[in-house]
Protein backbone atom coordinates (compact mmCIF):
# COMPACT_ATOMS: atom_id res chain seq x y z
CA MET A 1 0.00 0.00 0.00
CA HIS A 2 2.84 2.36 0.92
CA GLN A 3 4.54 1.66 -2.42
CA ASP A 4 1.34 2.46 -4.27
CA LEU A 5 1.08 5.81 -2.52
CA ASP A 6 4.73 6.59 -3.26
CA ARG A 7 4.24 5.73 -6.89
CA LEU A 8 1.09 7.84 -7.05
CA ALA A 9 2.94 10.76 -5.44
CA GLU A 10 5.71 10.43 -8.07
CA GLN A 11 3.17 10.38 -10.88
CA ILE A 12 1.43 13.45 -9.47
CA ALA A 13 4.76 15.27 -9.19
CA HIS A 14 5.63 14.28 -12.75
CA MET A 15 2.26 15.44 -14.09
CA SER A 16 2.58 18.67 -12.13
CA GLY A 17 5.96 19.32 -13.75
CA ILE A 18 4.54 18.64 -17.20
CA SER A 19 1.63 20.96 -16.51
CA ARG A 20 3.98 23.73 -15.35
CA ARG A 21 6.20 23.35 -18.44
CA LEU A 22 3.17 23.41 -20.73
CA ALA A 23 1.85 26.55 -19.05
CA GLU A 24 5.26 28.23 -19.51
CA GLU A 25 5.40 27.18 -23.16
CA ASN A 26 1.84 28.41 -23.65
CA ALA A 27 2.80 31.80 -22.24
CA ARG A 28 5.84 31.99 -24.56
CA LEU A 29 3.73 31.04 -27.56
CA ARG A 30 1.09 33.63 -26.68
CA ALA A 31 3.79 36.30 -26.46
CA ALA A 32 5.27 35.21 -29.80
CA LEU A 33 1.82 35.28 -31.39
CA ALA A 34 1.16 38.77 -30.04
CA ASP A 35 4.52 39.91 -31.45
CA ALA A 36 3.77 38.32 -34.83
CA ASP A 37 0.33 39.96 -34.89
CA ARG A 38 1.92 43.33 -34.13
CA ARG A 39 4.52 42.89 -36.89
CA HIS A 40 1.80 41.80 -39.31
CA ALA A 41 -0.24 44.92 -38.56
CA GLU A 42 2.85 47.08 -39.09
CA LEU A 43 3.54 45.42 -42.44
CA GLU A 44 -0.09 45.82 -43.49
CA GLN A 45 0.15 49.54 -42.67
CA ARG A 46 3.40 49.88 -44.61
CA MET A 47 1.82 48.14 -47.62
CA SER A 48 -1.17 50.46 -47.43
CA ASP A 49 1.10 53.51 -47.24
CA ALA A 50 3.15 52.28 -50.20
CA ARG A 51 -0.01 51.59 -52.21
CA THR A 52 -1.22 55.13 -51.53
CA ARG A 53 2.13 56.59 -52.61
CA VAL A 54 2.12 54.56 -55.84
CA GLU A 55 -1.47 55.55 -56.62
CA THR A 56 -0.62 59.20 -55.97
CA ALA A 57 2.44 59.00 -58.23
CA LEU A 58 0.43 57.32 -60.98
CA ALA A 59 -2.25 59.99 -60.76
CA ARG A 60 0.37 62.68 -61.35
CA LEU A 61 1.63 61.10 -64.58
CA PRO A 62 0.39 62.81 -67.72
CA ALA A 63 -2.28 60.93 -69.59
CA THR A 64 -1.05 59.41 -72.84
CA ALA A 65 -3.05 59.91 -76.01
CA GLU A 66 -4.14 56.70 -77.64
CA SER A 67 -3.48 56.60 -81.35
CA ASP A 68 -6.09 55.41 -83.83
CA ASP A 69 -4.29 52.98 -86.17
């Protein structure tokens, strides 16, 4: 009976350690995801800004006359 309790205590300690490591990994992954989301939003904004600049530059170009051949 005493051996069974010792073994159960070891298993509980082992599972507790696994749970703690998983919680730490989860926290790291959540932080990495938040950072990736932030970088993604920054890149989306940069793309939007670049698109606006290109559209503005294109609008300033003189219109070309199409020739009737």
